[in-house]
């Protein structure tokens, strides 16, 4: 993490880190075999699809 001095710099740094983390999670989920999950998403592929959708919306 870079040295942050203003609130706007902090916000930009957090957004950057969030995107980086989501991209890493998406890559990891795509390497796993599809498995059923409990909770909000029925499978690991469904969770990866949602993460991908969120990343695509951030790019717009």
PDB file of N, CA and C in Angstrom:
ATOM      1  N   UNK A   1       0.836  -1.174   0.000  1.00  0.00           N
ATOM      2  CA  UNK A   1       0.000   0.000   0.000  1.00  0.00           C
ATOM      3  C   UNK A   1       0.881   1.237   0.000  1.00  0.00           C
ATOM      4  N   UNK A   2       0.529   2.219  -0.817  1.00  0.00           N
ATOM      5  CA  UNK A   2       1.316   3.441  -0.902  1.00  0.00           C
ATOM      6  C   UNK A   2       0.984   4.364   0.260  1.00  0.00           C
ATOM      7  N   UNK A   3       1.802   5.371   0.466  1.00  0.00           N
ATOM      8  CA  UNK A   3       1.547   6.334   1.537  1.00  0.00           C
ATOM      9  C   UNK A   3       0.395   7.240   1.123  1.00  0.00           C
ATOM     10  N   UNK A   4      -0.639   7.272   1.936  1.00  0.00           N
ATOM     11  CA  UNK A   4      -1.848   8.027   1.635  1.00  0.00           C
ATOM     12  C   UNK A   4      -1.920   9.209   2.582  1.00  0.00           C
ATOM     13  N   UNK A   5      -2.225  10.403   2.015  1.00  0.00           N
ATOM     14  CA  UNK A   5      -2.247  11.591   2.859  1.00  0.00           C
ATOM     15  C   UNK A   5      -3.599  12.300   2.877  1.00  0.00           C
ATOM     16  N   UNK A   6      -4.436  12.094   1.895  1.00  0.00           N
ATOM     17  CA  UNK A   6      -5.729  12.784   1.868  1.00  0.00           C
ATOM     18  C   UNK A   6      -6.863  11.760   1.786  1.00  0.00           C
ATOM     19  N   UNK A   7      -8.061  12.163   2.165  1.00  0.00           N
ATOM     20  CA  UNK A   7      -9.198  11.241   2.056  1.00  0.00           C
ATOM     21  C   UNK A   7      -9.439  10.739   0.627  1.00  0.00           C
ATOM     22  N   UNK A   8      -9.273  11.591  -0.357  1.00  0.00           N
ATOM     23  CA  UNK A   8      -9.484  11.147  -1.739  1.00  0.00           C
ATOM     24  C   UNK A   8      -8.419  10.146  -2.169  1.00  0.00           C
ATOM     25  N   UNK A   9      -7.189  10.314  -1.706  1.00  0.00           N
ATOM     26  CA  UNK A   9      -6.142   9.337  -2.004  1.00  0.00           C
ATOM     27  C   UNK A   9      -6.429   8.008  -1.316  1.00  0.00           C
ATOM     28  N   UNK A  10      -6.946   8.074  -0.092  1.00  0.00           N
ATOM     29  CA  UNK A  10      -7.300   6.857   0.636  1.00  0.00           C
ATOM     30  C   UNK A  10      -8.404   6.102  -0.090  1.00  0.00           C
ATOM     31  N   UNK A  11      -9.414   6.828  -0.554  1.00  0.00           N
ATOM     32  CA  UNK A  11     -10.515   6.192  -1.285  1.00  0.00           C
ATOM     33  C   UNK A  11     -10.003   5.522  -2.559  1.00  0.00           C
ATOM     34  N   UNK A  12      -9.155   6.194  -3.302  1.00  0.00           N
ATOM     35  CA  UNK A  12      -8.610   5.631  -4.533  1.00  0.00           C
ATOM     36  C   UNK A  12      -7.764   4.393  -4.241  1.00  0.00           C
ATOM     37  N   UNK A  13      -6.983   4.428  -3.181  1.00  0.00           N
ATOM     38  CA  UNK A  13      -6.148   3.285  -2.808  1.00  0.00           C
ATOM     39  C   UNK A  13      -7.015   2.093  -2.406  1.00  0.00           C
ATOM     40  N   UNK A  14      -8.065   2.336  -1.637  1.00  0.00           N
ATOM     41  CA  UNK A  14      -8.957   1.253  -1.232  1.00  0.00           C
ATOM     42  C   UNK A  14      -9.675   0.635  -2.428  1.00  0.00           C
ATOM     43  N   UNK A  15     -10.120   1.443  -3.369  1.00  0.00           N
ATOM     44  CA  UNK A  15     -10.775   0.929  -4.573  1.00  0.00           C
ATOM     45  C   UNK A  15      -9.805   0.069  -5.378  1.00  0.00           C
ATOM     46  N   UNK A  16      -8.571   0.519  -5.472  1.00  0.00           N
ATOM     47  CA  UNK A  16      -7.557  -0.232  -6.198  1.00  0.00           C
ATOM     48  C   UNK A  16      -7.312  -1.585  -5.536  1.00  0.00           C
ATOM     49  N   UNK A  17      -7.191  -1.593  -4.219  1.00  0.00           N
ATOM     50  CA  UNK A  17      -6.948  -2.836  -3.487  1.00  0.00           C
ATOM     51  C   UNK A  17      -8.154  -3.775  -3.587  1.00  0.00           C
ATOM     52  N   UNK A  18      -9.374  -3.220  -3.556  1.00  0.00           N
ATOM     53  CA  UNK A  18     -10.580  -4.032  -3.656  1.00  0.00           C
ATOM     54  C   UNK A  18     -10.638  -4.717  -5.015  1.00  0.00           C
ATOM     55  N   UNK A  19     -10.353  -3.990  -6.067  1.00  0.00           N
ATOM     56  CA  UNK A  19     -10.367  -4.563  -7.407  1.00  0.00           C
ATOM     57  C   UNK A  19      -9.306  -5.651  -7.538  1.00  0.00           C
ATOM     58  N   UNK A  20      -8.130  -5.398  -7.024  1.00  0.00           N
ATOM     59  CA  UNK A  20      -7.043  -6.383  -7.070  1.00  0.00           C
ATOM     60  C   UNK A  20      -7.446  -7.664  -6.347  1.00  0.00           C
ATOM     61  N   UNK A  21      -8.060  -7.526  -5.171  1.00  0.00           N
ATOM     62  CA  UNK A  21      -8.481  -8.682  -4.390  1.00  0.00           C
ATOM     63  C   UNK A  21      -9.582  -9.465  -5.108  1.00  0.00           C
ATOM     64  N   UNK A  22     -10.559  -8.767  -5.683  1.00  0.00           N
ATOM     65  CA  UNK A  22     -11.629  -9.447  -6.420  1.00  0.00           C
ATOM     66  C   UNK A  22     -11.083 -10.192  -7.637  1.00  0.00           C
ATOM     67  N   UNK A  23     -10.137  -9.591  -8.347  1.00  0.00           N
ATOM     68  CA  UNK A  23      -9.538 -10.258  -9.508  1.00  0.00           C
ATOM     69  C   UNK A  23      -8.785 -11.519  -9.078  1.00  0.00           C
ATOM     70  N   UNK A  24      -8.083 -11.451  -7.956  1.00  0.00           N
ATOM     71  CA  UNK A  24      -7.351 -12.626  -7.449  1.00  0.00           C
ATOM     72  C   UNK A  24      -8.329 -13.724  -7.033  1.00  0.00           C
ATOM     73  N   UNK A  25      -9.422 -13.346  -6.390  1.00  0.00           N
ATOM     74  CA  UNK A  25     -10.439 -14.337  -5.999  1.00  0.00           C
ATOM     75  C   UNK A  25     -11.059 -14.985  -7.228  1.00  0.00           C
ATOM     76  N   UNK A  26     -11.360 -14.192  -8.235  1.00  0.00           N
ATOM     77  CA  UNK A  26     -11.947 -14.727  -9.461  1.00  0.00           C
ATOM     78  C   UNK A  26     -11.008 -15.736 -10.108  1.00  0.00           C
ATOM     79  N   UNK A  27      -9.730 -15.415 -10.178  1.00  0.00           N
ATOM     80  CA  UNK A  27      -8.764 -16.348 -10.754  1.00  0.00           C
ATOM     81  C   UNK A  27      -8.726 -17.646  -9.956  1.00  0.00           C
ATOM     82  N   UNK A  28      -8.755 -17.546  -8.640  1.00  0.00           N
ATOM     83  CA  UNK A  28      -8.713 -18.741  -7.785  1.00  0.00           C
ATOM     84  C   UNK A  28      -9.973 -19.586  -7.964  1.00  0.00           C
ATOM     85  N   UNK A  29     -11.140 -18.955  -7.973  1.00  0.00           N
ATOM     86  CA  UNK A  29     -12.384 -19.706  -8.150  1.00  0.00           C
ATOM     87  C   UNK A  29     -12.435 -20.388  -9.510  1.00  0.00           C
ATOM     88  N   UNK A  30     -11.900 -19.749 -10.527  1.00  0.00           N
ATOM     89  CA  UNK A  30     -11.919 -20.344 -11.861  1.00  0.00           C
ATOM     90  C   UNK A  30     -10.976 -21.547 -11.976  1.00  0.00           C
ATOM     91  N   UNK A  31     -10.049 -21.692 -11.057  1.00  0.00           N
ATOM     92  CA  UNK A  31      -9.147 -22.837 -11.081  1.00  0.00           C
ATOM     93  C   UNK A  31      -9.703 -24.030 -10.306  1.00  0.00           C
ATOM     94  N   UNK A  32     -10.724 -23.796  -9.505  1.00  0.00           N
ATOM     95  CA  UNK A  32     -11.340 -24.877  -8.726  1.00  0.00           C
ATOM     96  C   UNK A  32     -12.377 -25.618  -9.566  1.00  0.00           C
ATOM     97  N   UNK A  33     -12.558 -26.893  -9.307  1.00  0.00           N
ATOM     98  CA  UNK A  33     -13.687 -27.581  -9.950  1.00  0.00           C
ATOM     99  C   UNK A  33     -14.990 -27.046  -9.358  1.00  0.00           C
ATOM    100  N   UNK A  34     -16.040 -27.044 -10.158  1.00  0.00           N
ATOM    101  CA  UNK A  34     -17.323 -26.547  -9.690  1.00  0.00           C
ATOM    102  C   UNK A  34     -17.831 -27.416  -8.546  1.00  0.00           C
ATOM    103  N   UNK A  35     -18.222 -26.780  -7.460  1.00  0.00           N
ATOM    104  CA  UNK A  35     -18.751 -27.488  -6.305  1.00  0.00           C
ATOM    105  C   UNK A  35     -19.981 -26.759  -5.789  1.00  0.00           C
ATOM    106  N   UNK A  36     -20.908 -27.529  -5.244  1.00  0.00           N
ATOM    107  CA  UNK A  36     -22.069 -26.914  -4.607  1.00  0.00           C
ATOM    108  C   UNK A  36     -21.613 -26.192  -3.344  1.00  0.00           C
ATOM    109  N   UNK A  37     -22.285 -25.090  -3.066  1.00  0.00           N
ATOM    110  CA  UNK A  37     -21.993 -24.338  -1.852  1.00  0.00           C
ATOM    111  C   UNK A  37     -23.289 -24.067  -1.108  1.00  0.00           C
ATOM    112  N   UNK A  38     -23.155 -23.713   0.140  1.00  0.00           N
ATOM    113  CA  UNK A  38     -24.312 -23.323   0.941  1.00  0.00           C
ATOM    114  C   UNK A  38     -24.299 -21.802   1.040  1.00  0.00           C
ATOM    115  N   UNK A  39     -25.472 -21.227   1.084  1.00  0.00           N
ATOM    116  CA  UNK A  39     -25.534 -19.785   1.245  1.00  0.00           C
ATOM    117  C   UNK A  39     -26.107 -19.102   0.023  1.00  0.00           C
ATOM    118  N   UNK A  40     -25.602 -17.931  -0.246  1.00  0.00           N
ATOM    119  CA  UNK A  40     -26.174 -17.071  -1.289  1.00  0.00           C
ATOM    120  C   UNK A  40     -25.923 -17.574  -2.710  1.00  0.00           C
ATOM    121  N   UNK A  41     -24.887 -18.379  -2.901  1.00  0.00           N
ATOM    122  CA  UNK A  41     -24.549 -18.858  -4.238  1.00  0.00           C
ATOM    123  C   UNK A  41     -24.611 -20.381  -4.269  1.00  0.00           C
ATOM    124  N   UNK A  42     -25.261 -20.943  -5.292  1.00  0.00           N
ATOM    125  CA  UNK A  42     -25.438 -22.397  -5.328  1.00  0.00           C
ATOM    126  C   UNK A  42     -24.174 -23.180  -5.670  1.00  0.00           C
ATOM    127  N   UNK A  43     -23.179 -22.508  -6.264  1.00  0.00           N
ATOM    128  CA  UNK A  43     -21.960 -23.213  -6.660  1.00  0.00           C
ATOM    129  C   UNK A  43     -20.788 -22.243  -6.729  1.00  0.00           C
ATOM    130  N   UNK A  44     -19.591 -22.816  -6.822  1.00  0.00           N
ATOM    131  CA  UNK A  44     -18.406 -21.958  -6.959  1.00  0.00           C
ATOM    132  C   UNK A  44     -18.417 -21.218  -8.291  1.00  0.00           C
ATOM    133  N   UNK A  45     -18.976 -21.830  -9.342  1.00  0.00           N
ATOM    134  CA  UNK A  45     -19.068 -21.137 -10.628  1.00  0.00           C
ATOM    135  C   UNK A  45     -20.014 -19.945 -10.554  1.00  0.00           C
ATOM    136  N   UNK A  46     -21.110 -20.077  -9.809  1.00  0.00           N
ATOM    137  CA  UNK A  46     -22.054 -18.969  -9.647  1.00  0.00           C
ATOM    138  C   UNK A  46     -21.394 -17.805  -8.899  1.00  0.00           C
ATOM    139  N   UNK A  47     -20.606 -18.139  -7.898  1.00  0.00           N
ATOM    140  CA  UNK A  47     -19.887 -17.096  -7.162  1.00  0.00           C
ATOM    141  C   UNK A  47     -18.868 -16.408  -8.061  1.00  0.00           C
ATOM    142  N   UNK A  48     -18.132 -17.179  -8.846  1.00  0.00           N
ATOM    143  CA  UNK A  48     -17.156 -16.596  -9.776  1.00  0.00           C
ATOM    144  C   UNK A  48     -17.856 -15.712 -10.803  1.00  0.00           C
ATOM    145  N   UNK A  49     -19.025 -16.119 -11.274  1.00  0.00           N
ATOM    146  CA  UNK A  49     -19.776 -15.318 -12.250  1.00  0.00           C
ATOM    147  C   UNK A  49     -20.195 -13.984 -11.645  1.00  0.00           C
ATOM    148  N   UNK A  50     -20.598 -13.982 -10.383  1.00  0.00           N
ATOM    149  CA  UNK A  50     -20.991 -12.745  -9.717  1.00  0.00           C
ATOM    150  C   UNK A  50     -19.795 -11.827  -9.533  1.00  0.00           C
ATOM    151  N   UNK A  51     -18.659 -12.381  -9.139  1.00  0.00           N
ATOM    152  CA  UNK A  51     -17.444 -11.570  -8.992  1.00  0.00           C
ATOM    153  C   UNK A  51     -17.065 -10.966 -10.335  1.00  0.00           C
ATOM    154  N   UNK A  52     -17.125 -11.761 -11.404  1.00  0.00           N
ATOM    155  CA  UNK A  52     -16.814 -11.262 -12.741  1.00  0.00           C
ATOM    156  C   UNK A  52     -17.771 -10.135 -13.131  1.00  0.00           C
ATOM    157  N   UNK A  53     -19.034 -10.301 -12.839  1.00  0.00           N
ATOM    158  CA  UNK A  53     -20.031  -9.275 -13.152  1.00  0.00           C
ATOM    159  C   UNK A  53     -19.709  -7.966 -12.414  1.00  0.00           C
ATOM    160  N   UNK A  54     -19.349  -8.062 -11.136  1.00  0.00           N
ATOM    161  CA  UNK A  54     -18.996  -6.876 -10.363  1.00  0.00           C
ATOM    162  C   UNK A  54     -17.769  -6.175 -10.935  1.00  0.00           C
ATOM    163  N   UNK A  55     -16.781  -6.950 -11.343  1.00  0.00           N
ATOM    164  CA  UNK A  55     -15.575  -6.358 -11.934  1.00  0.00           C
ATOM    165  C   UNK A  55     -15.885  -5.674 -13.257  1.00  0.00           C
ATOM    166  N   UNK A  56     -16.754  -6.269 -14.069  1.00  0.00           N
ATOM    167  CA  UNK A  56     -17.124  -5.669 -15.348  1.00  0.00           C
ATOM    168  C   UNK A  56     -17.873  -4.355 -15.129  1.00  0.00           C
ATOM    169  N   UNK A  57     -18.717  -4.289 -14.107  1.00  0.00           N
ATOM    170  CA  UNK A  57     -19.452  -3.061 -13.815  1.00  0.00           C
ATOM    171  C   UNK A  57     -18.515  -1.963 -13.333  1.00  0.00           C
ATOM    172  N   UNK A  58     -17.477  -2.324 -12.590  1.00  0.00           N
ATOM    173  CA  UNK A  58     -16.513  -1.327 -12.125  1.00  0.00           C
ATOM    174  C   UNK A  58     -15.758  -0.692 -13.284  1.00  0.00           C
ATOM    175  N   UNK A  59     -15.557  -1.441 -14.359  1.00  0.00           N
ATOM    176  CA  UNK A  59     -14.800  -0.937 -15.508  1.00  0.00           C
ATOM    177  C   UNK A  59     -15.599   0.055 -16.347  1.00  0.00           C
ATOM    178  N   UNK A  60     -16.925   0.056 -16.188  1.00  0.00           N
ATOM    179  CA  UNK A  60     -17.773   0.960 -16.983  1.00  0.00           C
ATOM    180  C   UNK A  60     -17.744   2.360 -16.463  1.00  0.00           C
TER     181      UNK A  60
END
